[in-house]
Amino acid sequence: MSLFGMLLNWLRGKTCILAALFFLALAGLVGANVFIRPHEVEFVYDAYPGFWALFGLVGGLAMVIIMKKIVQPMISRGDDYYERNS
């Protein structure tokens, strides 16, 4: 087995630790936004730290909800679709 394969097998057992590190890194980036400011504000809410992180979270959740509640019923088929049409 290659070194990369061994690394992937080792990481597979550490998913909780990796998820915690990932979210800690995201929180650190939002926290860094308090000290690192954009040179010029192009949008009114650009001045608030963490705005784009919150905007991305709300936008992503909205897309998931729209897809689940509106689009999925339009494109899904019944459980017996393939049995009925054969």
N, C-alpha and C. Protein backbone atom coordinates (compact mmCIF):
# COMPACT_ATOMS: atom_id res chain seq x y z
N MET A 1 0.85 -1.17 0.00
CA MET A 1 0.00 0.00 0.00
C MET A 1 0.89 1.24 0.00
N SER A 2 0.47 2.25 -0.75
CA SER A 2 1.26 3.46 -0.86
C SER A 2 1.14 4.30 0.42
N LEU A 3 2.01 5.25 0.52
CA LEU A 3 2.00 6.14 1.67
C LEU A 3 0.70 6.96 1.70
N PHE A 4 0.24 7.39 0.53
CA PHE A 4 -1.00 8.15 0.45
C PHE A 4 -2.19 7.30 0.89
N GLY A 5 -2.22 6.02 0.50
CA GLY A 5 -3.28 5.13 0.92
C GLY A 5 -3.29 4.91 2.42
N MET A 6 -2.10 4.78 3.00
CA MET A 6 -2.01 4.62 4.45
C MET A 6 -2.49 5.89 5.17
N LEU A 7 -2.16 7.05 4.61
CA LEU A 7 -2.61 8.31 5.20
C LEU A 7 -4.13 8.41 5.14
N LEU A 8 -4.73 8.03 4.01
CA LEU A 8 -6.18 8.08 3.90
C LEU A 8 -6.86 7.11 4.86
N ASN A 9 -6.30 5.92 5.03
CA ASN A 9 -6.86 4.96 6.00
C ASN A 9 -6.76 5.49 7.42
N TRP A 10 -5.66 6.15 7.73
CA TRP A 10 -5.50 6.71 9.06
C TRP A 10 -6.49 7.86 9.29
N LEU A 11 -6.68 8.70 8.28
CA LEU A 11 -7.60 9.83 8.41
C LEU A 11 -9.04 9.38 8.47
N ARG A 12 -9.37 8.25 7.87
CA ARG A 12 -10.74 7.75 7.88
C ARG A 12 -11.23 7.50 9.30
N GLY A 13 -10.35 7.09 10.18
CA GLY A 13 -10.73 6.83 11.56
C GLY A 13 -10.76 8.07 12.43
N LYS A 14 -10.33 9.20 11.90
CA LYS A 14 -10.23 10.43 12.69
C LYS A 14 -11.19 11.50 12.19
N THR A 15 -12.38 11.12 11.75
CA THR A 15 -13.30 12.09 11.15
C THR A 15 -13.78 13.14 12.15
N CYS A 16 -13.99 12.77 13.40
CA CYS A 16 -14.46 13.75 14.39
C CYS A 16 -13.39 14.80 14.65
N ILE A 17 -12.16 14.37 14.74
CA ILE A 17 -11.07 15.31 14.98
C ILE A 17 -10.90 16.23 13.77
N LEU A 18 -10.98 15.68 12.57
CA LEU A 18 -10.83 16.48 11.36
C LEU A 18 -11.96 17.50 11.22
N ALA A 19 -13.18 17.09 11.55
CA ALA A 19 -14.31 18.01 11.49
C ALA A 19 -14.13 19.15 12.50
N ALA A 20 -13.68 18.82 13.69
CA ALA A 20 -13.44 19.85 14.70
C ALA A 20 -12.36 20.82 14.25
N LEU A 21 -11.29 20.31 13.65
CA LEU A 21 -10.22 21.18 13.15
C LEU A 21 -10.72 22.05 12.00
N PHE A 22 -11.55 21.50 11.15
CA PHE A 22 -12.10 22.26 10.03
C PHE A 22 -12.94 23.42 10.53
N PHE A 23 -13.86 23.16 11.46
CA PHE A 23 -14.72 24.22 11.97
C PHE A 23 -13.93 25.22 12.81
N LEU A 24 -12.89 24.77 13.48
CA LEU A 24 -12.03 25.68 14.22
C LEU A 24 -11.29 26.61 13.25
N ALA A 25 -10.84 26.07 12.13
CA ALA A 25 -10.18 26.90 11.12
C ALA A 25 -11.15 27.92 10.53
N LEU A 26 -12.39 27.51 10.28
CA LEU A 26 -13.39 28.45 9.77
C LEU A 26 -13.67 29.55 10.78
N ALA A 27 -13.80 29.19 12.04
CA ALA A 27 -14.02 30.20 13.08
C ALA A 27 -12.81 31.13 13.20
N GLY A 28 -11.63 30.59 13.03
CA GLY A 28 -10.42 31.41 13.05
C GLY A 28 -10.38 32.41 11.90
N LEU A 29 -10.85 31.99 10.73
CA LEU A 29 -10.89 32.92 9.60
C LEU A 29 -11.90 34.03 9.82
N VAL A 30 -13.05 33.69 10.39
CA VAL A 30 -14.04 34.73 10.70
C VAL A 30 -13.49 35.65 11.78
N GLY A 31 -12.81 35.09 12.77
CA GLY A 31 -12.20 35.91 13.81
C GLY A 31 -11.10 36.80 13.27
N ALA A 32 -10.34 36.31 12.30
CA ALA A 32 -9.28 37.13 11.69
C ALA A 32 -9.88 38.29 10.91
N ASN A 33 -11.11 38.13 10.46
CA ASN A 33 -11.77 39.20 9.72
C ASN A 33 -12.03 40.42 10.61
N VAL A 34 -12.01 40.24 11.91
CA VAL A 34 -12.16 41.37 12.83
C VAL A 34 -10.94 42.28 12.73
N PHE A 35 -9.76 41.70 12.56
CA PHE A 35 -8.52 42.48 12.54
C PHE A 35 -8.06 42.83 11.12
N ILE A 36 -8.35 41.99 10.17
CA ILE A 36 -7.95 42.23 8.78
C ILE A 36 -9.17 42.76 8.04
N ARG A 37 -9.14 44.02 7.69
CA ARG A 37 -10.29 44.68 7.08
C ARG A 37 -10.05 44.86 5.58
N PRO A 38 -11.11 44.89 4.78
CA PRO A 38 -10.94 45.18 3.36
C PRO A 38 -10.50 46.63 3.16
N HIS A 39 -9.78 46.88 2.07
CA HIS A 39 -9.27 48.23 1.82
C HIS A 39 -10.39 49.22 1.59
N GLU A 40 -11.33 48.86 0.76
CA GLU A 40 -12.47 49.74 0.56
C GLU A 40 -13.74 48.91 0.58
N VAL A 41 -14.74 49.43 1.20
CA VAL A 41 -16.01 48.73 1.34
C VAL A 41 -16.83 49.00 0.09
N GLU A 42 -17.22 47.94 -0.61
CA GLU A 42 -18.00 48.09 -1.83
C GLU A 42 -19.49 47.90 -1.58
N PHE A 43 -19.82 47.28 -0.49
CA PHE A 43 -21.20 46.97 -0.15
C PHE A 43 -21.40 47.39 1.30
N VAL A 44 -22.57 47.82 1.66
CA VAL A 44 -22.81 48.38 2.99
C VAL A 44 -22.41 47.40 4.09
N TYR A 45 -22.73 46.13 3.90
CA TYR A 45 -22.50 45.16 4.97
C TYR A 45 -21.09 44.56 4.94
N ASP A 46 -20.27 44.95 3.98
CA ASP A 46 -18.87 44.50 3.96
C ASP A 46 -18.11 44.94 5.20
N ALA A 47 -18.55 46.00 5.81
CA ALA A 47 -17.85 46.54 6.97
C ALA A 47 -17.99 45.66 8.20
N TYR A 48 -18.99 44.81 8.24
CA TYR A 48 -19.21 43.96 9.41
C TYR A 48 -18.38 42.69 9.32
N PRO A 49 -17.63 42.35 10.37
CA PRO A 49 -16.82 41.13 10.33
C PRO A 49 -17.69 39.88 10.28
N GLY A 50 -17.34 38.97 9.41
CA GLY A 50 -18.05 37.71 9.30
C GLY A 50 -19.30 37.78 8.45
N PHE A 51 -19.54 38.91 7.78
CA PHE A 51 -20.75 39.03 6.98
C PHE A 51 -20.80 38.00 5.86
N TRP A 52 -19.69 37.84 5.15
CA TRP A 52 -19.70 36.93 4.01
C TRP A 52 -19.80 35.47 4.46
N ALA A 53 -19.28 35.14 5.62
CA ALA A 53 -19.45 33.79 6.16
C ALA A 53 -20.92 33.53 6.47
N LEU A 54 -21.57 34.48 7.10
CA LEU A 54 -22.99 34.35 7.41
C LEU A 54 -23.84 34.34 6.15
N PHE A 55 -23.47 35.18 5.18
CA PHE A 55 -24.18 35.23 3.91
C PHE A 55 -24.09 33.88 3.19
N GLY A 56 -22.91 33.28 3.18
CA GLY A 56 -22.73 31.97 2.56
C GLY A 56 -23.51 30.88 3.27
N LEU A 57 -23.54 30.93 4.59
CA LEU A 57 -24.29 29.95 5.36
C LEU A 57 -25.79 30.06 5.08
N VAL A 58 -26.31 31.27 5.10
CA VAL A 58 -27.74 31.48 4.86
C VAL A 58 -28.09 31.11 3.42
N GLY A 59 -27.24 31.49 2.48
CA GLY A 59 -27.48 31.14 1.08
C GLY A 59 -27.46 29.64 0.84
N GLY A 60 -26.52 28.95 1.45
CA GLY A 60 -26.45 27.50 1.31
C GLY A 60 -27.65 26.80 1.92
N LEU A 61 -28.05 27.24 3.10
CA LEU A 61 -29.23 26.66 3.74
C LEU A 61 -30.49 26.93 2.92
N ALA A 62 -30.59 28.13 2.36
CA ALA A 62 -31.75 28.45 1.53
C ALA A 62 -31.81 27.54 0.31
N MET A 63 -30.66 27.30 -0.33
CA MET A 63 -30.65 26.42 -1.50
C MET A 63 -31.07 25.00 -1.13
N VAL A 64 -30.60 24.50 0.01
CA VAL A 64 -30.97 23.16 0.44
C VAL A 64 -32.47 23.07 0.70
N ILE A 65 -33.01 24.05 1.39
CA ILE A 65 -34.44 24.04 1.70
C ILE A 65 -35.28 24.15 0.44
N ILE A 66 -34.89 25.03 -0.47
CA ILE A 66 -35.62 25.17 -1.73
C ILE A 66 -35.59 23.88 -2.53
N MET A 67 -34.41 23.26 -2.61
CA MET A 67 -34.30 22.01 -3.37
C MET A 67 -35.13 20.91 -2.71
N LYS A 68 -35.13 20.83 -1.40
CA LYS A 68 -35.83 19.76 -0.70
C LYS A 68 -37.35 19.95 -0.76
N LYS A 69 -37.82 21.15 -0.57
CA LYS A 69 -39.27 21.39 -0.46
C LYS A 69 -39.95 21.65 -1.80
N ILE A 70 -39.25 22.28 -2.75
CA ILE A 70 -39.90 22.69 -3.99
C ILE A 70 -39.48 21.83 -5.17
N VAL A 71 -38.18 21.65 -5.37
CA VAL A 71 -37.69 20.98 -6.59
C VAL A 71 -37.83 19.47 -6.49
N GLN A 72 -37.51 18.88 -5.35
CA GLN A 72 -37.57 17.42 -5.24
C GLN A 72 -38.96 16.86 -5.53
N PRO A 73 -40.05 17.43 -5.01
CA PRO A 73 -41.36 16.88 -5.37
C PRO A 73 -41.68 16.97 -6.86
N MET A 74 -41.12 17.95 -7.55
CA MET A 74 -41.38 18.09 -8.99
C MET A 74 -40.65 17.04 -9.81
N ILE A 75 -39.44 16.65 -9.37
CA ILE A 75 -38.64 15.74 -10.20
C ILE A 75 -38.63 14.30 -9.69
N SER A 76 -39.16 14.04 -8.51
CA SER A 76 -39.12 12.68 -7.99
C SER A 76 -40.23 11.83 -8.61
N ARG A 77 -40.01 10.54 -8.58
CA ARG A 77 -40.98 9.58 -9.10
C ARG A 77 -41.42 8.67 -7.96
N GLY A 78 -42.54 8.03 -8.14
CA GLY A 78 -43.07 7.15 -7.11
C GLY A 78 -42.19 5.93 -6.88
N ASP A 79 -42.41 5.26 -5.77
CA ASP A 79 -41.62 4.08 -5.43
C ASP A 79 -41.83 2.94 -6.42
N ASP A 80 -42.98 2.86 -7.02
CA ASP A 80 -43.27 1.75 -7.93
C ASP A 80 -43.17 2.17 -9.41
N TYR A 81 -42.46 3.22 -9.71
CA TYR A 81 -42.38 3.74 -11.07
C TYR A 81 -41.79 2.70 -12.03
N TYR A 82 -40.70 2.07 -11.67
CA TYR A 82 -40.04 1.14 -12.59
C TYR A 82 -40.80 -0.19 -12.67
N GLU A 83 -41.47 -0.58 -11.62
CA GLU A 83 -42.26 -1.82 -11.65
C GLU A 83 -43.51 -1.64 -12.48
N ARG A 84 -44.09 -0.49 -12.45
CA ARG A 84 -45.34 -0.21 -13.13
C ARG A 84 -45.14 -0.08 -14.65
N ASN A 85 -44.00 0.46 -15.09
CA ASN A 85 -43.79 0.74 -16.50
C ASN A 85 -43.02 -0.36 -17.25
N SER A 86 -42.79 -1.48 -16.66
CA SER A 86 -42.02 -2.50 -17.36
C SER A 86 -42.90 -3.60 -17.92
